[in-house]
C-alpha cells in the first residue's frame, strides 16, 4: 500500500524540499523543527517555489493550495507521528541518535525511520536506537524537489521489508531509488570526492575558481565544482569531505582543502549566505 503520511524532521533547505516533494506527490507531510523562525522560512520558501510553478503553468492555483494544505508545520515533537519519519537535521551522529530515540518513543511499532545523512555511518546510529531493523538511510539530493536520485542505504540491521518500503516511498514521490550498503560516502559522495578535492588542489596552485569551472563545464559537466559547492553549501560539502576522509583512515588523496575550511570559518557558505567562491545578489 502507498504511504499516506510522512514526517520530516529538520526544516532547512533539504528537509523543506523533501516535505514539498512528498506533498506534491499527494502525501500528507509533517515538517518539524525546534526553531519556529526556521519553520517560517521553510513555509515562505515553499510558497515561493509553488508560486513559481504556477507562473510556469506546471501546476494550477488549485493544485498549489492543495499541496500547501498537505504540509503541517510544527515545533512540537509530539506531532511527529507518521508511517515513515525522515531525519534531515544537523550532520552530527549524536543529534540524530537523540532524535530517533525520541521519535521511537512516540510512534507505533510499524513506523519506519530514515536518515538523510550524506555520509555519516548509519550502522553507528542504528546500534544506539530502538528497533534498528526499522531504520535505514534515505539520502535525497539538493534540490530535493527536482533531483531524481535517492540513495536507499541498508545497514547491517535493516530488514528487507524496511528497504523495500523506503524504496517504494521514493518511487511514490517520483524519485529513482538506488539501494546500497552503508559505507563511507555511500555511492555518490564517495565518487564525487575526487572531483571536488582535485579541483581544490588546482585552485591551491592557481586560485582561479571561475576558470576551473568554465573548463570543466566546457568538457560536459553541467556545473563546475565550485559553482556546485556554492549551490550545495560549503558547510555541508566540507562536512561530507571530512567524514569520508576520516572513515577512510585519512588517505592523502582525499584530504579536505584548507580553502574550503577557511570559507566555512568565514561563513562564506555559497548561495545561502550570499557569498562563497562567487558573490550572489540578495
C-alpha atoms as a PDB file:
ATOM      1  CA  UNK A   1       0.000   0.000   0.000  1.00  0.00           C
ATOM      2  CA  UNK A   2       1.125   3.552  -0.670  1.00  0.00           C
ATOM      3  CA  UNK A   3       2.342   5.729   2.179  1.00  0.00           C
ATOM      4  CA  UNK A   4      -0.255   8.269   3.299  1.00  0.00           C
ATOM      5  CA  UNK A   5       1.740  10.330   5.806  1.00  0.00           C
ATOM      6  CA  UNK A   6       5.400  11.089   6.464  1.00  0.00           C
ATOM      7  CA  UNK A   7       7.205  13.287   8.954  1.00  0.00           C
ATOM      8  CA  UNK A   8      10.328  15.232   8.003  1.00  0.00           C
ATOM      9  CA  UNK A   9      12.455  16.437  10.908  1.00  0.00           C
ATOM     10  CA  UNK A  10      14.552  19.496  10.104  1.00  0.00           C
ATOM     11  CA  UNK A  11      13.118  22.333   8.011  1.00  0.00           C
ATOM     12  CA  UNK A  12      16.277  23.568   6.337  1.00  0.00           C
ATOM     13  CA  UNK A  13      16.699  23.562   2.556  1.00  0.00           C
ATOM     14  CA  UNK A  14      16.777  19.776   2.322  1.00  0.00           C
ATOM     15  CA  UNK A  15      14.056  18.994   4.848  1.00  0.00           C
ATOM     16  CA  UNK A  16      11.585  21.519   3.455  1.00  0.00           C
ATOM     17  CA  UNK A  17      12.380  20.288  -0.063  1.00  0.00           C
ATOM     18  CA  UNK A  18      11.602  16.687   0.891  1.00  0.00           C
ATOM     19  CA  UNK A  19       8.321  17.721   2.517  1.00  0.00           C
ATOM     20  CA  UNK A  20       7.335  19.737  -0.554  1.00  0.00           C
ATOM     21  CA  UNK A  21       8.219  16.907  -2.943  1.00  0.00           C
ATOM     22  CA  UNK A  22       6.123  14.469  -0.910  1.00  0.00           C
ATOM     23  CA  UNK A  23       3.192  16.894  -0.712  1.00  0.00           C
ATOM     24  CA  UNK A  24       3.317  17.400  -4.489  1.00  0.00           C
ATOM     25  CA  UNK A  25       3.016  13.615  -4.791  1.00  0.00           C
ATOM     26  CA  UNK A  26      -0.173  13.666  -2.699  1.00  0.00           C
ATOM     27  CA  UNK A  27       1.386  12.608   0.627  1.00  0.00           C
ATOM     28  CA  UNK A  28       0.475  14.307   3.905  1.00  0.00           C
ATOM     29  CA  UNK A  29       3.734  15.766   5.266  1.00  0.00           C
ATOM     30  CA  UNK A  30       4.568  16.935   8.770  1.00  0.00           C
ATOM     31  CA  UNK A  31       7.551  19.302   8.791  1.00  0.00           C
ATOM     32  CA  UNK A  32       9.156  19.593  12.223  1.00  0.00           C
ATOM     33  CA  UNK A  33      11.794  21.957  13.520  1.00  0.00           C
ATOM     34  CA  UNK A  34      12.659  23.132  17.023  1.00  0.00           C
ATOM     35  CA  UNK A  35      13.211  26.660  15.715  1.00  0.00           C
ATOM     36  CA  UNK A  36       9.935  28.427  14.764  1.00  0.00           C
ATOM     37  CA  UNK A  37      11.776  31.082  12.728  1.00  0.00           C
ATOM     38  CA  UNK A  38      13.369  28.407  10.533  1.00  0.00           C
ATOM     39  CA  UNK A  39       9.930  26.858  10.090  1.00  0.00           C
ATOM     40  CA  UNK A  40       8.595  30.242   8.981  1.00  0.00           C
ATOM     41  CA  UNK A  41      11.411  30.493   6.423  1.00  0.00           C
ATOM     42  CA  UNK A  42      10.589  26.993   5.180  1.00  0.00           C
ATOM     43  CA  UNK A  43       6.926  27.897   4.789  1.00  0.00           C
ATOM     44  CA  UNK A  44       7.820  31.073   2.866  1.00  0.00           C
ATOM     45  CA  UNK A  45      10.297  29.199   0.644  1.00  0.00           C
ATOM     46  CA  UNK A  46       7.711  26.518  -0.164  1.00  0.00           C
ATOM     47  CA  UNK A  47       5.087  29.138  -1.017  1.00  0.00           C
ATOM     48  CA  UNK A  48       7.589  30.887  -3.282  1.00  0.00           C
ATOM     49  CA  UNK A  49       8.554  27.617  -5.004  1.00  0.00           C
ATOM     50  CA  UNK A  50       4.932  26.688  -5.628  1.00  0.00           C
ATOM     51  CA  UNK A  51       4.068  30.190  -6.872  1.00  0.00           C
ATOM     52  CA  UNK A  52       6.904  29.854  -9.385  1.00  0.00           C
ATOM     53  CA  UNK A  53       5.436  26.554 -10.599  1.00  0.00           C
ATOM     54  CA  UNK A  54       2.086  28.290 -11.088  1.00  0.00           C
ATOM     55  CA  UNK A  55       3.798  31.059 -13.093  1.00  0.00           C
ATOM     56  CA  UNK A  56       5.388  28.416 -15.295  1.00  0.00           C
ATOM     57  CA  UNK A  57       1.951  26.766 -15.694  1.00  0.00           C
ATOM     58  CA  UNK A  58       3.292  23.487 -14.274  1.00  0.00           C
ATOM     59  CA  UNK A  59       0.578  23.465 -11.615  1.00  0.00           C
ATOM     60  CA  UNK A  60      -2.683  25.351 -11.153  1.00  0.00           C
ATOM     61  CA  UNK A  61      -3.618  27.659  -8.295  1.00  0.00           C
ATOM     62  CA  UNK A  62      -5.947  24.965  -7.026  1.00  0.00           C
ATOM     63  CA  UNK A  63      -3.140  22.383  -7.056  1.00  0.00           C
ATOM     64  CA  UNK A  64      -0.829  24.829  -5.280  1.00  0.00           C
ATOM     65  CA  UNK A  65      -3.352  25.308  -2.487  1.00  0.00           C
ATOM     66  CA  UNK A  66      -3.878  21.557  -2.165  1.00  0.00           C
ATOM     67  CA  UNK A  67      -0.121  20.978  -1.881  1.00  0.00           C
ATOM     68  CA  UNK A  68       0.212  23.650   0.795  1.00  0.00           C
ATOM     69  CA  UNK A  69      -2.643  22.118   2.768  1.00  0.00           C
ATOM     70  CA  UNK A  70      -0.851  18.759   2.818  1.00  0.00           C
ATOM     71  CA  UNK A  71       2.108  20.252   4.745  1.00  0.00           C
ATOM     72  CA  UNK A  72       1.760  20.712   8.512  1.00  0.00           C
ATOM     73  CA  UNK A  73       4.400  22.842  10.226  1.00  0.00           C
ATOM     74  CA  UNK A  74       5.191  22.139  13.875  1.00  0.00           C
ATOM     75  CA  UNK A  75       7.741  22.796  16.606  1.00  0.00           C
ATOM     76  CA  UNK A  76       6.356  20.060  18.840  1.00  0.00           C
ATOM     77  CA  UNK A  77       7.945  16.642  18.553  1.00  0.00           C
ATOM     78  CA  UNK A  78       4.713  15.159  19.916  1.00  0.00           C
ATOM     79  CA  UNK A  79       3.212  15.908  16.491  1.00  0.00           C
ATOM     80  CA  UNK A  80       5.848  13.794  14.721  1.00  0.00           C
ATOM     81  CA  UNK A  81       3.758  10.662  14.244  1.00  0.00           C
ATOM     82  CA  UNK A  82       3.705   9.101  10.793  1.00  0.00           C
ATOM     83  CA  UNK A  83       4.258   5.950   8.773  1.00  0.00           C
ATOM     84  CA  UNK A  84       7.813   6.993   7.922  1.00  0.00           C
ATOM     85  CA  UNK A  85       9.903   9.605   9.757  1.00  0.00           C
ATOM     86  CA  UNK A  86      12.768  11.116   7.765  1.00  0.00           C
ATOM     87  CA  UNK A  87      15.548  12.950   9.593  1.00  0.00           C
ATOM     88  CA  UNK A  88      17.222  15.914   7.866  1.00  0.00           C
ATOM     89  CA  UNK A  89      18.881  17.743  10.751  1.00  0.00           C
ATOM     90  CA  UNK A  90      22.469  18.792  11.508  1.00  0.00           C
ATOM     91  CA  UNK A  91      25.198  16.341  10.421  1.00  0.00           C
ATOM     92  CA  UNK A  92      26.103  15.117  13.899  1.00  0.00           C
ATOM     93  CA  UNK A  93      25.567  11.489  14.890  1.00  0.00           C
ATOM     94  CA  UNK A  94      24.729  12.341  18.487  1.00  0.00           C
ATOM     95  CA  UNK A  95      21.940  14.730  17.479  1.00  0.00           C
ATOM     96  CA  UNK A  96      20.491  12.237  15.004  1.00  0.00           C
ATOM     97  CA  UNK A  97      20.619   9.383  17.526  1.00  0.00           C
ATOM     98  CA  UNK A  98      18.859  11.505  20.151  1.00  0.00           C
ATOM     99  CA  UNK A  99      16.137  12.455  17.660  1.00  0.00           C
ATOM    100  CA  UNK A 100      15.470   8.863  16.589  1.00  0.00           C
ATOM    101  CA  UNK A 101      15.222   7.761  20.215  1.00  0.00           C
ATOM    102  CA  UNK A 102      12.572  10.430  20.818  1.00  0.00           C
ATOM    103  CA  UNK A 103      10.702   9.553  17.628  1.00  0.00           C
ATOM    104  CA  UNK A 104      10.673   5.850  18.520  1.00  0.00           C
ATOM    105  CA  UNK A 105       9.154   6.657  21.907  1.00  0.00           C
ATOM    106  CA  UNK A 106       6.084   8.404  20.426  1.00  0.00           C
ATOM    107  CA  UNK A 107       5.457   6.326  17.287  1.00  0.00           C
ATOM    108  CA  UNK A 108       3.952   2.850  16.949  1.00  0.00           C
ATOM    109  CA  UNK A 109       5.724  -0.417  16.223  1.00  0.00           C
ATOM    110  CA  UNK A 110       5.097  -0.157  12.463  1.00  0.00           C
ATOM    111  CA  UNK A 111       6.758   3.238  11.933  1.00  0.00           C
ATOM    112  CA  UNK A 112       9.942   3.261   9.836  1.00  0.00           C
ATOM    113  CA  UNK A 113      12.805   5.680  10.393  1.00  0.00           C
ATOM    114  CA  UNK A 114      15.174   7.050   7.754  1.00  0.00           C
ATOM    115  CA  UNK A 115      18.171   9.354   7.828  1.00  0.00           C
ATOM    116  CA  UNK A 116      19.023  11.791   5.048  1.00  0.00           C
ATOM    117  CA  UNK A 117      22.674  11.927   6.128  1.00  0.00           C
ATOM    118  CA  UNK A 118      25.159  12.460   3.308  1.00  0.00           C
ATOM    119  CA  UNK A 119      27.983  10.392   4.741  1.00  0.00           C
ATOM    120  CA  UNK A 120      27.727   9.565   8.456  1.00  0.00           C
ATOM    121  CA  UNK A 121      27.851   5.912   9.494  1.00  0.00           C
ATOM    122  CA  UNK A 122      24.289   4.622   9.606  1.00  0.00           C
ATOM    123  CA  UNK A 123      25.401   1.432  11.317  1.00  0.00           C
ATOM    124  CA  UNK A 124      26.786   3.503  14.192  1.00  0.00           C
ATOM    125  CA  UNK A 125      23.426   5.276  14.575  1.00  0.00           C
ATOM    126  CA  UNK A 126      21.456   2.033  14.233  1.00  0.00           C
ATOM    127  CA  UNK A 127      23.334   0.441  17.146  1.00  0.00           C
ATOM    128  CA  UNK A 128      22.067   3.141  19.507  1.00  0.00           C
ATOM    129  CA  UNK A 129      18.377   3.338  18.600  1.00  0.00           C
ATOM    130  CA  UNK A 130      15.347   1.116  19.281  1.00  0.00           C
ATOM    131  CA  UNK A 131      14.229  -1.323  16.577  1.00  0.00           C
ATOM    132  CA  UNK A 132      17.237  -0.843  14.249  1.00  0.00           C
ATOM    133  CA  UNK A 133      15.612  -3.240  11.768  1.00  0.00           C
ATOM    134  CA  UNK A 134      13.126  -0.423  11.012  1.00  0.00           C
ATOM    135  CA  UNK A 135      15.884   2.083  10.246  1.00  0.00           C
ATOM    136  CA  UNK A 136      17.766   2.868   7.013  1.00  0.00           C
ATOM    137  CA  UNK A 137      19.219   5.719   5.001  1.00  0.00           C
ATOM    138  CA  UNK A 138      17.154   7.766   2.552  1.00  0.00           C
ATOM    139  CA  UNK A 139      19.581  10.230   1.001  1.00  0.00           C
ATOM    140  CA  UNK A 140      17.975  12.888  -1.204  1.00  0.00           C
ATOM    141  CA  UNK A 141      19.953  15.357  -3.301  1.00  0.00           C
ATOM    142  CA  UNK A 142      19.626  19.128  -3.465  1.00  0.00           C
ATOM    143  CA  UNK A 143      17.206  20.470  -4.599  1.00  0.00           C
ATOM    144  CA  UNK A 144      15.038  17.619  -3.359  1.00  0.00           C
ATOM    145  CA  UNK A 145      12.051  18.838  -5.380  1.00  0.00           C
ATOM    146  CA  UNK A 146      13.964  18.396  -8.644  1.00  0.00           C
ATOM    147  CA  UNK A 147      16.764  15.835  -8.288  1.00  0.00           C
ATOM    148  CA  UNK A 148      15.512  12.352  -9.141  1.00  0.00           C
ATOM    149  CA  UNK A 149      18.084  10.168  -7.393  1.00  0.00           C
ATOM    150  CA  UNK A 150      17.574   8.862  -3.853  1.00  0.00           C
ATOM    151  CA  UNK A 151      20.132   6.557  -2.250  1.00  0.00           C
ATOM    152  CA  UNK A 152      18.423   3.963  -0.056  1.00  0.00           C
ATOM    153  CA  UNK A 153      21.085   2.729   2.335  1.00  0.00           C
ATOM    154  CA  UNK A 154      20.814  -0.616   4.040  1.00  0.00           C
ATOM    155  CA  UNK A 155      22.526  -1.026   7.401  1.00  0.00           C
ATOM    156  CA  UNK A 156      23.602  -4.332   8.908  1.00  0.00           C
ATOM    157  CA  UNK A 157      20.327  -4.279  10.848  1.00  0.00           C
ATOM    158  CA  UNK A 158      17.785  -3.072   8.246  1.00  0.00           C
ATOM    159  CA  UNK A 159      15.113  -5.602   7.335  1.00  0.00           C
ATOM    160  CA  UNK A 160      14.357  -6.301   3.688  1.00  0.00           C
ATOM    161  CA  UNK A 161      10.814  -5.075   4.298  1.00  0.00           C
ATOM    162  CA  UNK A 162      12.148  -1.718   5.555  1.00  0.00           C
ATOM    163  CA  UNK A 163      14.332  -1.251   2.495  1.00  0.00           C
ATOM    164  CA  UNK A 164      11.523  -2.204   0.127  1.00  0.00           C
ATOM    165  CA  UNK A 165       9.062   0.207   1.736  1.00  0.00           C
ATOM    166  CA  UNK A 166      11.522   3.126   1.755  1.00  0.00           C
ATOM    167  CA  UNK A 167      12.439   2.459  -1.880  1.00  0.00           C
ATOM    168  CA  UNK A 168       8.717   2.300  -2.677  1.00  0.00           C
ATOM    169  CA  UNK A 169       8.192   5.675  -0.968  1.00  0.00           C
ATOM    170  CA  UNK A 170      10.953   7.173  -3.113  1.00  0.00           C
ATOM    171  CA  UNK A 171       9.156   5.935  -6.243  1.00  0.00           C
ATOM    172  CA  UNK A 172       5.835   7.261  -4.927  1.00  0.00           C
ATOM    173  CA  UNK A 173       7.443  10.711  -4.631  1.00  0.00           C
ATOM    174  CA  UNK A 174       8.640  10.391  -8.229  1.00  0.00           C
ATOM    175  CA  UNK A 175      12.259   9.569  -7.456  1.00  0.00           C
ATOM    176  CA  UNK A 176      14.619   6.872  -8.663  1.00  0.00           C
ATOM    177  CA  UNK A 177      15.874   4.813  -5.694  1.00  0.00           C
ATOM    178  CA  UNK A 178      19.279   3.137  -5.769  1.00  0.00           C
ATOM    179  CA  UNK A 179      19.861   0.611  -2.994  1.00  0.00           C
ATOM    180  CA  UNK A 180      23.340   0.373  -1.497  1.00  0.00           C
ATOM    181  CA  UNK A 181      25.077  -0.765   1.685  1.00  0.00           C
ATOM    182  CA  UNK A 182      26.305   1.534   4.425  1.00  0.00           C
ATOM    183  CA  UNK A 183      29.858   2.649   3.596  1.00  0.00           C
ATOM    184  CA  UNK A 184      31.799   5.959   3.700  1.00  0.00           C
ATOM    185  CA  UNK A 185      30.024   8.428   1.402  1.00  0.00           C
ATOM    186  CA  UNK A 186      27.678   5.676   0.129  1.00  0.00           C
ATOM    187  CA  UNK A 187      27.897   5.850  -3.702  1.00  0.00           C
ATOM    188  CA  UNK A 188      27.508   9.417  -4.958  1.00  0.00           C
ATOM    189  CA  UNK A 189      29.546  11.244  -2.330  1.00  0.00           C
ATOM    190  CA  UNK A 190      32.245   8.555  -2.449  1.00  0.00           C
ATOM    191  CA  UNK A 191      32.585   9.006  -6.216  1.00  0.00           C
ATOM    192  CA  UNK A 192      32.303  12.807  -6.027  1.00  0.00           C
ATOM    193  CA  UNK A 193      35.104  13.407  -3.502  1.00  0.00           C
ATOM    194  CA  UNK A 194      37.960  13.228  -6.067  1.00  0.00           C
ATOM    195  CA  UNK A 195      36.027  15.650  -8.308  1.00  0.00           C
ATOM    196  CA  UNK A 196      35.999  18.276  -5.553  1.00  0.00           C
ATOM    197  CA  UNK A 197      39.383  17.505  -3.974  1.00  0.00           C
ATOM    198  CA  UNK A 198      41.325  17.579  -7.252  1.00  0.00           C
ATOM    199  CA  UNK A 199      39.633  20.868  -8.177  1.00  0.00           C
ATOM    200  CA  UNK A 200      40.847  22.274  -4.860  1.00  0.00           C
ATOM    201  CA  UNK A 201      44.387  21.041  -5.497  1.00  0.00           C
ATOM    202  CA  UNK A 202      44.419  23.001  -8.751  1.00  0.00           C
ATOM    203  CA  UNK A 203      42.884  26.030  -7.021  1.00  0.00           C
ATOM    204  CA  UNK A 204      45.537  25.881  -4.283  1.00  0.00           C
ATOM    205  CA  UNK A 205      48.146  26.354  -7.019  1.00  0.00           C
ATOM    206  CA  UNK A 206      46.299  28.768  -9.309  1.00  0.00           C
ATOM    207  CA  UNK A 207      43.360  30.118  -7.239  1.00  0.00           C
ATOM    208  CA  UNK A 208      41.095  30.637 -10.228  1.00  0.00           C
ATOM    209  CA  UNK A 209      37.686  29.152  -9.423  1.00  0.00           C
ATOM    210  CA  UNK A 210      35.923  30.543 -12.477  1.00  0.00           C
ATOM    211  CA  UNK A 211      38.488  29.202 -14.927  1.00  0.00           C
ATOM    212  CA  UNK A 212      38.329  25.706 -13.427  1.00  0.00           C
ATOM    213  CA  UNK A 213      34.524  25.733 -13.536  1.00  0.00           C
ATOM    214  CA  UNK A 214      34.426  27.011 -17.118  1.00  0.00           C
ATOM    215  CA  UNK A 215      36.871  24.379 -18.355  1.00  0.00           C
ATOM    216  CA  UNK A 216      35.001  21.502 -16.726  1.00  0.00           C
ATOM    217  CA  UNK A 217      31.646  22.800 -17.941  1.00  0.00           C
ATOM    218  CA  UNK A 218      33.045  23.025 -21.471  1.00  0.00           C
ATOM    219  CA  UNK A 219      34.114  19.381 -21.107  1.00  0.00           C
ATOM    220  CA  UNK A 220      30.495  18.366 -20.463  1.00  0.00           C
ATOM    221  CA  UNK A 221      29.857  18.837 -16.749  1.00  0.00           C
ATOM    222  CA  UNK A 222      26.539  20.600 -16.171  1.00  0.00           C
ATOM    223  CA  UNK A 223      28.087  22.615 -13.336  1.00  0.00           C
ATOM    224  CA  UNK A 224      31.706  23.144 -12.317  1.00  0.00           C
ATOM    225  CA  UNK A 225      32.854  22.025  -8.830  1.00  0.00           C
ATOM    226  CA  UNK A 226      32.925  25.490  -7.256  1.00  0.00           C
ATOM    227  CA  UNK A 227      29.529  26.560  -8.589  1.00  0.00           C
ATOM    228  CA  UNK A 228      28.168  23.213  -7.434  1.00  0.00           C
ATOM    229  CA  UNK A 229      29.656  23.569  -3.950  1.00  0.00           C
ATOM    230  CA  UNK A 230      28.159  27.051  -3.678  1.00  0.00           C
ATOM    231  CA  UNK A 231      24.776  25.526  -4.527  1.00  0.00           C
ATOM    232  CA  UNK A 232      25.139  22.654  -2.044  1.00  0.00           C
ATOM    233  CA  UNK A 233      26.641  24.835   0.699  1.00  0.00           C
ATOM    234  CA  UNK A 234      30.291  24.826   1.711  1.00  0.00           C
ATOM    235  CA  UNK A 235      29.407  23.798   5.246  1.00  0.00           C
ATOM    236  CA  UNK A 236      27.559  20.708   4.018  1.00  0.00           C
ATOM    237  CA  UNK A 237      30.158  19.803   1.388  1.00  0.00           C
ATOM    238  CA  UNK A 238      33.100  20.283   3.765  1.00  0.00           C
ATOM    239  CA  UNK A 239      31.421  18.155   6.450  1.00  0.00           C
ATOM    240  CA  UNK A 240      30.972  15.331   3.933  1.00  0.00           C
ATOM    241  CA  UNK A 241      34.602  15.580   2.806  1.00  0.00           C
ATOM    242  CA  UNK A 242      35.798  15.432   6.415  1.00  0.00           C
ATOM    243  CA  UNK A 243      33.514  12.490   7.204  1.00  0.00           C
ATOM    244  CA  UNK A 244      34.622  10.420   4.197  1.00  0.00           C
ATOM    245  CA  UNK A 245      38.292  11.309   4.834  1.00  0.00           C
ATOM    246  CA  UNK A 246      38.116  10.160   8.454  1.00  0.00           C
ATOM    247  CA  UNK A 247      36.122   6.997   7.748  1.00  0.00           C
ATOM    248  CA  UNK A 248      38.623   6.036   5.019  1.00  0.00           C
ATOM    249  CA  UNK A 249      41.514   6.355   7.520  1.00  0.00           C
ATOM    250  CA  UNK A 250      42.792   9.737   6.301  1.00  0.00           C
ATOM    251  CA  UNK A 251      44.193   9.000   2.816  1.00  0.00           C
ATOM    252  CA  UNK A 252      46.194  11.958   1.479  1.00  0.00           C
ATOM    253  CA  UNK A 253      44.295  11.873  -1.822  1.00  0.00           C
ATOM    254  CA  UNK A 254      41.033  12.691  -0.003  1.00  0.00           C
ATOM    255  CA  UNK A 255      42.352  15.271   2.450  1.00  0.00           C
ATOM    256  CA  UNK A 256      39.892  18.206   2.679  1.00  0.00           C
ATOM    257  CA  UNK A 257      41.195  21.535   1.400  1.00  0.00           C
ATOM    258  CA  UNK A 258      42.202  24.455   3.596  1.00  0.00           C
ATOM    259  CA  UNK A 259      40.464  26.719   1.064  1.00  0.00           C
ATOM    260  CA  UNK A 260      37.069  25.254   1.878  1.00  0.00           C
ATOM    261  CA  UNK A 261      37.846  25.159   5.593  1.00  0.00           C
ATOM    262  CA  UNK A 262      38.518  28.916   5.503  1.00  0.00           C
ATOM    263  CA  UNK A 263      35.297  29.544   3.583  1.00  0.00           C
ATOM    264  CA  UNK A 264      33.299  27.715   6.242  1.00  0.00           C
ATOM    265  CA  UNK A 265      35.050  29.548   9.081  1.00  0.00           C
ATOM    266  CA  UNK A 266      34.290  32.908   7.421  1.00  0.00           C
ATOM    267  CA  UNK A 267      30.642  31.974   6.890  1.00  0.00           C
ATOM    268  CA  UNK A 268      31.079  32.094   3.107  1.00  0.00           C
ATOM    269  CA  UNK A 269      28.813  29.126   2.514  1.00  0.00           C
ATOM    270  CA  UNK A 270      27.676  29.857  -1.033  1.00  0.00           C
ATOM    271  CA  UNK A 271      24.281  30.876  -2.352  1.00  0.00           C
ATOM    272  CA  UNK A 272      22.548  30.617   1.010  1.00  0.00           C
ATOM    273  CA  UNK A 273      24.929  33.129   2.623  1.00  0.00           C
ATOM    274  CA  UNK A 274      25.307  35.381  -0.440  1.00  0.00           C
ATOM    275  CA  UNK A 275      28.975  34.577  -0.904  1.00  0.00           C
ATOM    276  CA  UNK A 276      31.118  31.525  -1.475  1.00  0.00           C
ATOM    277  CA  UNK A 277      33.532  31.149  -4.380  1.00  0.00           C
ATOM    278  CA  UNK A 278      31.268  33.670  -6.090  1.00  0.00           C
ATOM    279  CA  UNK A 279      29.129  36.570  -4.857  1.00  0.00           C
ATOM    280  CA  UNK A 280      25.339  36.373  -5.156  1.00  0.00           C
ATOM    281  CA  UNK A 281      22.702  39.101  -5.137  1.00  0.00           C
ATOM    282  CA  UNK A 282      20.439  39.018  -2.099  1.00  0.00           C
END
